[in-house]
C-alpha atoms as a PDB file:
ATOM      1  CA  UNK A   1     -40.343 -18.737  -2.442  1.00  0.00           C
ATOM      2  CA  UNK A   2     -43.514 -17.753  -0.576  1.00  0.00           C
ATOM      3  CA  UNK A   3     -45.340 -20.708   0.908  1.00  0.00           C
ATOM      4  CA  UNK A   4     -49.034 -21.282   0.309  1.00  0.00           C
ATOM      5  CA  UNK A   5     -49.529 -20.854   4.024  1.00  0.00           C
ATOM      6  CA  UNK A   6     -47.933 -17.407   3.955  1.00  0.00           C
ATOM      7  CA  UNK A   7     -50.055 -16.329   1.008  1.00  0.00           C
ATOM      8  CA  UNK A   8     -53.241 -17.390   2.776  1.00  0.00           C
ATOM      9  CA  UNK A   9     -52.310 -15.777   6.086  1.00  0.00           C
ATOM     10  CA  UNK A  10     -54.607 -12.867   6.970  1.00  0.00           C
ATOM     11  CA  UNK A  11     -53.378  -9.320   7.405  1.00  0.00           C
ATOM     12  CA  UNK A  12     -52.718  -8.723  11.081  1.00  0.00           C
ATOM     13  CA  UNK A  13     -55.281  -6.318  12.538  1.00  0.00           C
ATOM     14  CA  UNK A  14     -54.705  -4.803  15.979  1.00  0.00           C
ATOM     15  CA  UNK A  15     -57.713  -4.414  18.240  1.00  0.00           C
ATOM     16  CA  UNK A  16     -59.080  -0.918  18.731  1.00  0.00           C
ATOM     17  CA  UNK A  17     -58.536   0.713  22.110  1.00  0.00           C
ATOM     18  CA  UNK A  18     -62.267   1.266  22.313  1.00  0.00           C
ATOM     19  CA  UNK A  19     -64.744  -0.766  20.222  1.00  0.00           C
ATOM     20  CA  UNK A  20     -67.203   1.424  18.284  1.00  0.00           C
ATOM     21  CA  UNK A  21     -70.924   0.981  17.773  1.00  0.00           C
ATOM     22  CA  UNK A  22     -71.548   1.620  14.068  1.00  0.00           C
ATOM     23  CA  UNK A  23     -75.180   0.514  13.616  1.00  0.00           C
ATOM     24  CA  UNK A  24     -78.236  -0.597  15.564  1.00  0.00           C
ATOM     25  CA  UNK A  25     -80.756  -2.763  13.725  1.00  0.00           C
ATOM     26  CA  UNK A  26     -84.312  -3.084  15.049  1.00  0.00           C
ATOM     27  CA  UNK A  27     -85.471  -6.585  14.086  1.00  0.00           C
ATOM     28  CA  UNK A  28     -89.042  -6.391  15.340  1.00  0.00           C
ATOM     29  CA  UNK A  29     -88.803  -9.690  17.232  1.00  0.00           C
ATOM     30  CA  UNK A  30     -90.066  -9.872  20.787  1.00  0.00           C
ATOM     31  CA  UNK A  31     -87.031 -11.996  21.607  1.00  0.00           C
ATOM     32  CA  UNK A  32     -83.939 -12.509  19.441  1.00  0.00           C
ATOM     33  CA  UNK A  33     -82.140 -15.826  19.039  1.00  0.00           C
ATOM     34  CA  UNK A  34     -79.571 -15.616  16.254  1.00  0.00           C
ATOM     35  CA  UNK A  35     -77.926 -13.401  13.678  1.00  0.00           C
ATOM     36  CA  UNK A  36     -75.885 -14.546  10.666  1.00  0.00           C
ATOM     37  CA  UNK A  37     -74.026 -12.294   8.256  1.00  0.00           C
ATOM     38  CA  UNK A  38     -75.160 -12.343   4.643  1.00  0.00           C
ATOM     39  CA  UNK A  39     -72.928  -9.383   3.717  1.00  0.00           C
ATOM     40  CA  UNK A  40     -71.434  -6.271   5.294  1.00  0.00           C
ATOM     41  CA  UNK A  41     -74.771  -4.530   4.907  1.00  0.00           C
ATOM     42  CA  UNK A  42     -77.278  -7.353   5.396  1.00  0.00           C
ATOM     43  CA  UNK A  43     -77.947  -9.924   8.118  1.00  0.00           C
ATOM     44  CA  UNK A  44     -80.311 -12.836   8.563  1.00  0.00           C
ATOM     45  CA  UNK A  45     -82.079 -12.899  11.916  1.00  0.00           C
ATOM     46  CA  UNK A  46     -84.414 -15.209  13.787  1.00  0.00           C
ATOM     47  CA  UNK A  47     -86.321 -14.968  17.045  1.00  0.00           C
ATOM     48  CA  UNK A  48     -89.530 -16.030  18.761  1.00  0.00           C
ATOM     49  CA  UNK A  49     -91.366 -16.139  15.443  1.00  0.00           C
ATOM     50  CA  UNK A  50     -91.742 -18.586  12.540  1.00  0.00           C
ATOM     51  CA  UNK A  51     -90.401 -15.908  10.157  1.00  0.00           C
ATOM     52  CA  UNK A  52     -86.676 -15.554   9.422  1.00  0.00           C
ATOM     53  CA  UNK A  53     -85.812 -12.052   8.230  1.00  0.00           C
ATOM     54  CA  UNK A  54     -83.073 -10.629   6.009  1.00  0.00           C
ATOM     55  CA  UNK A  55     -82.534  -7.036   7.129  1.00  0.00           C
ATOM     56  CA  UNK A  56     -80.267  -4.181   6.095  1.00  0.00           C
ATOM     57  CA  UNK A  57     -78.458  -1.946   8.568  1.00  0.00           C
ATOM     58  CA  UNK A  58     -81.456   0.389   8.773  1.00  0.00           C
ATOM     59  CA  UNK A  59     -83.729  -2.487   9.784  1.00  0.00           C
ATOM     60  CA  UNK A  60     -85.525  -2.607   6.433  1.00  0.00           C
ATOM     61  CA  UNK A  61     -86.956  -6.033   5.636  1.00  0.00           C
ATOM     62  CA  UNK A  62     -85.404  -7.273   2.384  1.00  0.00           C
ATOM     63  CA  UNK A  63     -86.829 -10.765   2.300  1.00  0.00           C
ATOM     64  CA  UNK A  64     -88.313 -13.317   4.685  1.00  0.00           C
ATOM     65  CA  UNK A  65     -88.708 -17.079   4.919  1.00  0.00           C
ATOM     66  CA  UNK A  66     -91.304 -18.961   6.950  1.00  0.00           C
ATOM     67  CA  UNK A  67     -90.407 -22.331   8.446  1.00  0.00           C
ATOM     68  CA  UNK A  68     -92.274 -25.286   7.000  1.00  0.00           C
ATOM     69  CA  UNK A  69     -93.448 -26.489  10.419  1.00  0.00           C
ATOM     70  CA  UNK A  70     -94.716 -23.116  11.583  1.00  0.00           C
ATOM     71  CA  UNK A  71     -92.396 -23.416  14.576  1.00  0.00           C
ATOM     72  CA  UNK A  72     -89.743 -20.833  15.211  1.00  0.00           C
ATOM     73  CA  UNK A  73     -86.256 -21.837  14.040  1.00  0.00           C
ATOM     74  CA  UNK A  74     -83.851 -22.684  16.824  1.00  0.00           C
ATOM     75  CA  UNK A  75     -80.814 -21.364  14.943  1.00  0.00           C
ATOM     76  CA  UNK A  76     -79.698 -20.077  11.539  1.00  0.00           C
ATOM     77  CA  UNK A  77     -76.475 -19.922   9.530  1.00  0.00           C
ATOM     78  CA  UNK A  78     -75.518 -18.477   6.156  1.00  0.00           C
ATOM     79  CA  UNK A  79     -73.460 -20.867   3.996  1.00  0.00           C
ATOM     80  CA  UNK A  80     -70.474 -19.932   1.863  1.00  0.00           C
ATOM     81  CA  UNK A  81     -72.786 -19.991  -1.162  1.00  0.00           C
ATOM     82  CA  UNK A  82     -75.131 -17.507   0.503  1.00  0.00           C
ATOM     83  CA  UNK A  83     -77.903 -19.978   1.310  1.00  0.00           C
ATOM     84  CA  UNK A  84     -79.677 -20.014   4.657  1.00  0.00           C
ATOM     85  CA  UNK A  85     -79.544 -23.074   6.912  1.00  0.00           C
ATOM     86  CA  UNK A  86     -81.793 -23.482   9.928  1.00  0.00           C
ATOM     87  CA  UNK A  87     -82.674 -26.059  12.562  1.00  0.00           C
ATOM     88  CA  UNK A  88     -86.233 -26.912  13.570  1.00  0.00           C
ATOM     89  CA  UNK A  89     -86.681 -28.671  16.909  1.00  0.00           C
ATOM     90  CA  UNK A  90     -90.388 -29.336  16.342  1.00  0.00           C
ATOM     91  CA  UNK A  91     -89.932 -31.684  13.385  1.00  0.00           C
ATOM     92  CA  UNK A  92     -86.283 -32.535  14.177  1.00  0.00           C
ATOM     93  CA  UNK A  93     -84.930 -31.304  10.857  1.00  0.00           C
ATOM     94  CA  UNK A  94     -81.877 -29.528   9.520  1.00  0.00           C
ATOM     95  CA  UNK A  95     -82.903 -27.414   6.541  1.00  0.00           C
ATOM     96  CA  UNK A  96     -81.384 -25.383   3.729  1.00  0.00           C
ATOM     97  CA  UNK A  97     -83.137 -22.550   1.892  1.00  0.00           C
ATOM     98  CA  UNK A  98     -82.171 -22.091  -1.760  1.00  0.00           C
ATOM     99  CA  UNK A  99     -84.045 -19.575  -3.905  1.00  0.00           C
ATOM    100  CA  UNK A 100     -86.733 -19.426  -1.201  1.00  0.00           C
ATOM    101  CA  UNK A 101     -87.266 -23.197  -1.512  1.00  0.00           C
ATOM    102  CA  UNK A 102     -86.745 -25.201   1.678  1.00  0.00           C
ATOM    103  CA  UNK A 103     -84.774 -28.429   1.328  1.00  0.00           C
ATOM    104  CA  UNK A 104     -84.446 -30.888   4.209  1.00  0.00           C
ATOM    105  CA  UNK A 105     -80.808 -31.827   4.804  1.00  0.00           C
ATOM    106  CA  UNK A 106     -81.578 -34.313   7.574  1.00  0.00           C
ATOM    107  CA  UNK A 107     -84.534 -35.609   9.563  1.00  0.00           C
ATOM    108  CA  UNK A 108     -83.354 -37.008  12.890  1.00  0.00           C
ATOM    109  CA  UNK A 109     -84.543 -40.040  14.839  1.00  0.00           C
ATOM    110  CA  UNK A 110     -83.823 -40.149  18.563  1.00  0.00           C
ATOM    111  CA  UNK A 111     -82.038 -36.783  18.441  1.00  0.00           C
ATOM    112  CA  UNK A 112     -83.112 -33.132  18.222  1.00  0.00           C
ATOM    113  CA  UNK A 113     -80.985 -30.565  16.320  1.00  0.00           C
ATOM    114  CA  UNK A 114     -80.302 -27.296  18.097  1.00  0.00           C
ATOM    115  CA  UNK A 115     -77.569 -25.079  16.789  1.00  0.00           C
ATOM    116  CA  UNK A 116     -75.905 -24.936  13.378  1.00  0.00           C
ATOM    117  CA  UNK A 117     -72.977 -23.317  11.585  1.00  0.00           C
ATOM    118  CA  UNK A 118     -71.525 -23.449   8.082  1.00  0.00           C
ATOM    119  CA  UNK A 119     -67.869 -24.372   7.582  1.00  0.00           C
ATOM    120  CA  UNK A 120     -65.179 -23.208   5.174  1.00  0.00           C
ATOM    121  CA  UNK A 121     -65.789 -26.373   3.139  1.00  0.00           C
ATOM    122  CA  UNK A 122     -69.546 -25.600   3.063  1.00  0.00           C
ATOM    123  CA  UNK A 123     -70.420 -28.464   5.386  1.00  0.00           C
ATOM    124  CA  UNK A 124     -72.916 -27.944   8.195  1.00  0.00           C
ATOM    125  CA  UNK A 125     -71.992 -28.594  11.821  1.00  0.00           C
ATOM    126  CA  UNK A 126     -75.003 -29.261  14.042  1.00  0.00           C
ATOM    127  CA  UNK A 127     -75.236 -29.659  17.810  1.00  0.00           C
ATOM    128  CA  UNK A 128     -77.925 -32.137  18.829  1.00  0.00           C
ATOM    129  CA  UNK A 129     -79.294 -33.625  22.025  1.00  0.00           C
ATOM    130  CA  UNK A 130     -80.661 -37.143  22.423  1.00  0.00           C
ATOM    131  CA  UNK A 131     -84.260 -37.811  23.365  1.00  0.00           C
ATOM    132  CA  UNK A 132     -84.279 -37.839  27.148  1.00  0.00           C
ATOM    133  CA  UNK A 133     -81.358 -35.368  27.279  1.00  0.00           C
ATOM    134  CA  UNK A 134     -78.809 -38.049  28.173  1.00  0.00           C
ATOM    135  CA  UNK A 135     -76.291 -37.281  25.410  1.00  0.00           C
ATOM    136  CA  UNK A 136     -75.097 -34.406  23.249  1.00  0.00           C
ATOM    137  CA  UNK A 137     -72.973 -34.531  20.109  1.00  0.00           C
ATOM    138  CA  UNK A 138     -71.786 -32.493  17.141  1.00  0.00           C
ATOM    139  CA  UNK A 139     -72.523 -33.899  13.695  1.00  0.00           C
ATOM    140  CA  UNK A 140     -71.045 -32.806  10.377  1.00  0.00           C
ATOM    141  CA  UNK A 141     -73.155 -32.977   7.222  1.00  0.00           C
ATOM    142  CA  UNK A 142     -71.697 -32.808   3.729  1.00  0.00           C
ATOM    143  CA  UNK A 143     -74.767 -32.187   1.606  1.00  0.00           C
ATOM    144  CA  UNK A 144     -77.203 -34.619   3.266  1.00  0.00           C
ATOM    145  CA  UNK A 145     -74.592 -37.160   4.349  1.00  0.00           C
ATOM    146  CA  UNK A 146     -73.395 -37.447   7.938  1.00  0.00           C
ATOM    147  CA  UNK A 147     -69.605 -37.535   7.691  1.00  0.00           C
ATOM    148  CA  UNK A 148     -68.491 -36.956  11.295  1.00  0.00           C
ATOM    149  CA  UNK A 149     -69.803 -37.312  14.840  1.00  0.00           C
ATOM    150  CA  UNK A 150     -68.040 -35.727  17.828  1.00  0.00           C
ATOM    151  CA  UNK A 151     -69.147 -36.739  21.309  1.00  0.00           C
ATOM    152  CA  UNK A 152     -66.368 -38.119  23.547  1.00  0.00           C
ATOM    153  CA  UNK A 153     -62.759 -37.330  24.452  1.00  0.00           C
ATOM    154  CA  UNK A 154     -59.852 -39.780  24.278  1.00  0.00           C
ATOM    155  CA  UNK A 155     -60.868 -41.296  27.630  1.00  0.00           C
ATOM    156  CA  UNK A 156     -64.443 -41.852  26.517  1.00  0.00           C
ATOM    157  CA  UNK A 157     -65.823 -38.996  28.599  1.00  0.00           C
ATOM    158  CA  UNK A 158     -68.507 -36.701  27.166  1.00  0.00           C
ATOM    159  CA  UNK A 159     -67.068 -33.533  25.667  1.00  0.00           C
ATOM    160  CA  UNK A 160     -70.253 -31.553  26.243  1.00  0.00           C
ATOM    161  CA  UNK A 161     -72.893 -31.212  28.937  1.00  0.00           C
ATOM    162  CA  UNK A 162     -76.379 -32.413  28.108  1.00  0.00           C
ATOM    163  CA  UNK A 163     -78.244 -29.114  28.161  1.00  0.00           C
ATOM    164  CA  UNK A 164     -79.949 -27.917  25.004  1.00  0.00           C
ATOM    165  CA  UNK A 165     -78.479 -24.697  23.644  1.00  0.00           C
ATOM    166  CA  UNK A 166     -74.968 -25.131  22.232  1.00  0.00           C
ATOM    167  CA  UNK A 167     -74.025 -22.436  19.703  1.00  0.00           C
ATOM    168  CA  UNK A 168     -71.230 -23.584  17.417  1.00  0.00           C
ATOM    169  CA  UNK A 169     -68.701 -22.183  14.931  1.00  0.00           C
ATOM    170  CA  UNK A 170     -65.575 -23.160  13.014  1.00  0.00           C
ATOM    171  CA  UNK A 171     -62.290 -21.265  13.352  1.00  0.00           C
ATOM    172  CA  UNK A 172     -59.833 -20.521  10.523  1.00  0.00           C
ATOM    173  CA  UNK A 173     -57.576 -23.366  11.688  1.00  0.00           C
ATOM    174  CA  UNK A 174     -60.638 -25.664  11.350  1.00  0.00           C
ATOM    175  CA  UNK A 175     -61.101 -26.025  15.109  1.00  0.00           C
ATOM    176  CA  UNK A 176     -64.715 -26.567  16.135  1.00  0.00           C
ATOM    177  CA  UNK A 177     -65.812 -24.237  18.935  1.00  0.00           C
ATOM    178  CA  UNK A 178     -68.914 -24.853  21.069  1.00  0.00           C
ATOM    179  CA  UNK A 179     -70.338 -22.511  23.710  1.00  0.00           C
ATOM    180  CA  UNK A 180     -71.493 -24.895  26.444  1.00  0.00           C
ATOM    181  CA  UNK A 181     -73.486 -22.625  28.725  1.00  0.00           C
ATOM    182  CA  UNK A 182     -74.537 -25.358  31.171  1.00  0.00           C
ATOM    183  CA  UNK A 183     -70.886 -26.347  31.660  1.00  0.00           C
ATOM    184  CA  UNK A 184     -69.903 -22.634  31.801  1.00  0.00           C
ATOM    185  CA  UNK A 185     -67.216 -23.333  29.217  1.00  0.00           C
ATOM    186  CA  UNK A 186     -66.193 -22.899  25.599  1.00  0.00           C
ATOM    187  CA  UNK A 187     -65.162 -26.345  24.355  1.00  0.00           C
ATOM    188  CA  UNK A 188     -62.738 -26.407  21.407  1.00  0.00           C
ATOM    189  CA  UNK A 189     -61.780 -29.536  19.457  1.00  0.00           C
ATOM    190  CA  UNK A 190     -59.634 -29.823  16.335  1.00  0.00           C
ATOM    191  CA  UNK A 191     -61.082 -30.836  12.966  1.00  0.00           C
ATOM    192  CA  UNK A 192     -60.681 -34.525  13.916  1.00  0.00           C
ATOM    193  CA  UNK A 193     -62.733 -34.009  17.080  1.00  0.00           C
ATOM    194  CA  UNK A 194     -59.823 -34.209  19.541  1.00  0.00           C
ATOM    195  CA  UNK A 195     -60.146 -31.908  22.547  1.00  0.00           C
ATOM    196  CA  UNK A 196     -57.762 -28.923  22.405  1.00  0.00           C
ATOM    197  CA  UNK A 197     -58.936 -26.870  25.395  1.00  0.00           C
ATOM    198  CA  UNK A 198     -61.782 -25.625  27.519  1.00  0.00           C
ATOM    199  CA  UNK A 199     -62.088 -21.919  28.316  1.00  0.00           C
ATOM    200  CA  UNK A 200     -63.959 -21.274  31.568  1.00  0.00           C
ATOM    201  CA  UNK A 201     -63.693 -17.494  31.837  1.00  0.00           C
ATOM    202  CA  UNK A 202     -61.221 -14.693  32.422  1.00  0.00           C
ATOM    203  CA  UNK A 203     -58.530 -16.196  34.700  1.00  0.00           C
ATOM    204  CA  UNK A 204     -57.936 -12.801  36.316  1.00  0.00           C
ATOM    205  CA  UNK A 205     -61.555 -12.805  37.505  1.00  0.00           C
ATOM    206  CA  UNK A 206     -62.146 -16.359  38.785  1.00  0.00           C
ATOM    207  CA  UNK A 207     -65.253 -15.476  40.806  1.00  0.00           C
ATOM    208  CA  UNK A 208     -67.081 -14.226  37.735  1.00  0.00           C
ATOM    209  CA  UNK A 209     -70.035 -16.348  36.669  1.00  0.00           C
ATOM    210  CA  UNK A 210     -69.221 -17.224  33.046  1.00  0.00           C
ATOM    211  CA  UNK A 211     -72.273 -17.995  30.894  1.00  0.00           C
ATOM    212  CA  UNK A 212     -71.401 -18.406  27.188  1.00  0.00           C
ATOM    213  CA  UNK A 213     -74.142 -18.645  24.572  1.00  0.00           C
ATOM    214  CA  UNK A 214     -73.324 -17.128  21.199  1.00  0.00           C
ATOM    215  CA  UNK A 215     -69.961 -17.837  19.593  1.00  0.00           C
ATOM    216  CA  UNK A 216     -68.137 -16.801  16.422  1.00  0.00           C
ATOM    217  CA  UNK A 217     -64.611 -16.335  15.029  1.00  0.00           C
ATOM    218  CA  UNK A 218     -62.892 -13.717  12.888  1.00  0.00           C
ATOM    219  CA  UNK A 219     -60.108 -13.402  10.289  1.00  0.00           C
ATOM    220  CA  UNK A 220     -57.485 -13.319  13.062  1.00  0.00           C
ATOM    221  CA  UNK A 221     -58.672 -16.680  14.440  1.00  0.00           C
ATOM    222  CA  UNK A 222     -60.024 -14.907  17.522  1.00  0.00           C
ATOM    223  CA  UNK A 223     -62.863 -16.698  19.278  1.00  0.00           C
ATOM    224  CA  UNK A 224     -65.643 -14.377  20.439  1.00  0.00           C
ATOM    225  CA  UNK A 225     -68.272 -15.602  22.877  1.00  0.00           C
ATOM    226  CA  UNK A 226     -71.065 -13.934  24.812  1.00  0.00           C
ATOM    227  CA  UNK A 227     -71.417 -13.606  28.561  1.00  0.00           C
ATOM    228  CA  UNK A 228     -74.209 -12.114  30.648  1.00  0.00           C
ATOM    229  CA  UNK A 229     -73.529  -8.507  29.594  1.00  0.00           C
ATOM    230  CA  UNK A 230     -70.345  -8.602  27.517  1.00  0.00           C
ATOM    231  CA  UNK A 231     -68.284 -10.409  24.868  1.00  0.00           C
ATOM    232  CA  UNK A 232     -65.074 -12.308  25.670  1.00  0.00           C
ATOM    233  CA  UNK A 233     -62.404 -12.268  22.937  1.00  0.00           C
ATOM    234  CA  UNK A 234     -59.872 -15.135  23.034  1.00  0.00           C
ATOM    235  CA  UNK A 235     -56.990 -16.147  20.825  1.00  0.00           C
ATOM    236  CA  UNK A 236     -57.167 -19.449  18.938  1.00  0.00           C
ATOM    237  CA  UNK A 237     -55.526 -21.253  21.873  1.00  0.00           C
ATOM    238  CA  UNK A 238     -58.066 -20.064  24.418  1.00  0.00           C
ATOM    239  CA  UNK A 239     -56.088 -17.223  26.001  1.00  0.00           C
ATOM    240  CA  UNK A 240     -58.284 -14.353  27.159  1.00  0.00           C
ATOM    241  CA  UNK A 241     -57.518 -11.092  25.348  1.00  0.00           C
ATOM    242  CA  UNK A 242     -60.217  -8.569  26.234  1.00  0.00           C
ATOM    243  CA  UNK A 243     -63.872  -7.749  26.856  1.00  0.00           C
ATOM    244  CA  UNK A 244     -66.315  -5.852  24.682  1.00  0.00           C
ATOM    245  CA  UNK A 245     -68.805  -4.417  27.178  1.00  0.00           C
ATOM    246  CA  UNK A 246     -72.240  -2.848  27.554  1.00  0.00           C
ATOM    247  CA  UNK A 247     -74.750  -5.335  26.148  1.00  0.00           C
ATOM    248  CA  UNK A 248     -78.131  -6.498  27.363  1.00  0.00           C
ATOM    249  CA  UNK A 249     -77.890 -10.288  27.506  1.00  0.00           C
ATOM    250  CA  UNK A 250     -76.007 -10.827  24.210  1.00  0.00           C
ATOM    251  CA  UNK A 251     -76.997 -14.093  22.578  1.00  0.00           C
ATOM    252  CA  UNK A 252     -76.300 -14.735  18.875  1.00  0.00           C
ATOM    253  CA  UNK A 253     -73.068 -13.518  17.244  1.00  0.00           C
ATOM    254  CA  UNK A 254     -71.589 -13.288  13.753  1.00  0.00           C
ATOM    255  CA  UNK A 255     -68.625 -11.543  12.124  1.00  0.00           C
ATOM    256  CA  UNK A 256     -68.680 -10.288   8.514  1.00  0.00           C
ATOM    257  CA  UNK A 257     -65.833 -10.446   5.986  1.00  0.00           C
ATOM    258  CA  UNK A 258     -64.433  -7.131   7.287  1.00  0.00           C
ATOM    259  CA  UNK A 259     -64.470  -8.313  10.888  1.00  0.00           C
ATOM    260  CA  UNK A 260     -67.450  -6.255  11.984  1.00  0.00           C
ATOM    261  CA  UNK A 261     -69.193  -7.933  14.890  1.00  0.00           C
ATOM    262  CA  UNK A 262     -72.979  -8.294  14.954  1.00  0.00           C
ATOM    263  CA  UNK A 263     -74.563  -8.997  18.341  1.00  0.00           C
ATOM    264  CA  UNK A 264     -78.162 -10.163  18.789  1.00  0.00           C
ATOM    265  CA  UNK A 265     -79.382  -9.081  22.225  1.00  0.00           C
ATOM    266  CA  UNK A 266     -81.719 -11.692  23.676  1.00  0.00           C
ATOM    267  CA  UNK A 267     -83.964  -9.392  25.693  1.00  0.00           C
ATOM    268  CA  UNK A 268     -84.280  -6.558  23.193  1.00  0.00           C
ATOM    269  CA  UNK A 269     -85.308  -6.308  19.553  1.00  0.00           C
ATOM    270  CA  UNK A 270     -81.874  -5.056  18.498  1.00  0.00           C
ATOM    271  CA  UNK A 271     -78.792  -6.308  16.671  1.00  0.00           C
ATOM    272  CA  UNK A 272     -75.755  -4.125  17.311  1.00  0.00           C
ATOM    273  CA  UNK A 273     -72.905  -3.768  14.779  1.00  0.00           C
ATOM    274  CA  UNK A 274     -69.544  -3.255  16.478  1.00  0.00           C
ATOM    275  CA  UNK A 275     -66.129  -2.395  15.054  1.00  0.00           C
ATOM    276  CA  UNK A 276     -63.401  -3.790  17.332  1.00  0.00           C
ATOM    277  CA  UNK A 277     -60.464  -4.344  14.912  1.00  0.00           C
END
């Protein structure tokens, strides 16, 4: 008898010897922040602008959404249902766009939301920093209800540094992965919030200055995170596997259902689509 686990296991995909650039998308932003995959051919993007754009691989604008506050969104994420979530640090809200209508999931008091991702159960995970920058936590929202808060390890020590930008994603095993750039680490906890490991860079290159921002995962449970000019690919237990090189300050990341990697370059207008599996 085949177990349910075996049926749900993904097909094993070896990594290519050389990753291939398959598309370059000009977003038109002066500075890019995030990219989130809507489909294999379409991505949502946001940057230093109040407009969030859905673009195809040729850079054609398919639709756009303006934030309610007029501030630029800090981060975006596409949900399993195809809706767009975004965080707004000006009015301290977590928002969901359905049929071009903006719904407020949460309005925070004493905390500011920064980065957001959608989970396999269609919850939202949000990184947020306290007023005064003394604390940082990850909060899970199911619809508009806070159902989980992750902040400390088993010894009561903070899991995360108190800087602002903390991109976040969920892995296939339901681990929660946070790129903590100020701590120069990727911090991974299990679905209960218990610390599993911290990745602090390629162990064969200990003098390298590791600076993770964007983070995503793929069908193989790889964790992909940005560095100053490259992407680190790890296995689900935090073991370094390889680099994907030649980027200009990569920032936001997403992977589509066919494991194509989309990289938003912070200091250019471009999103690059990369095949690496």
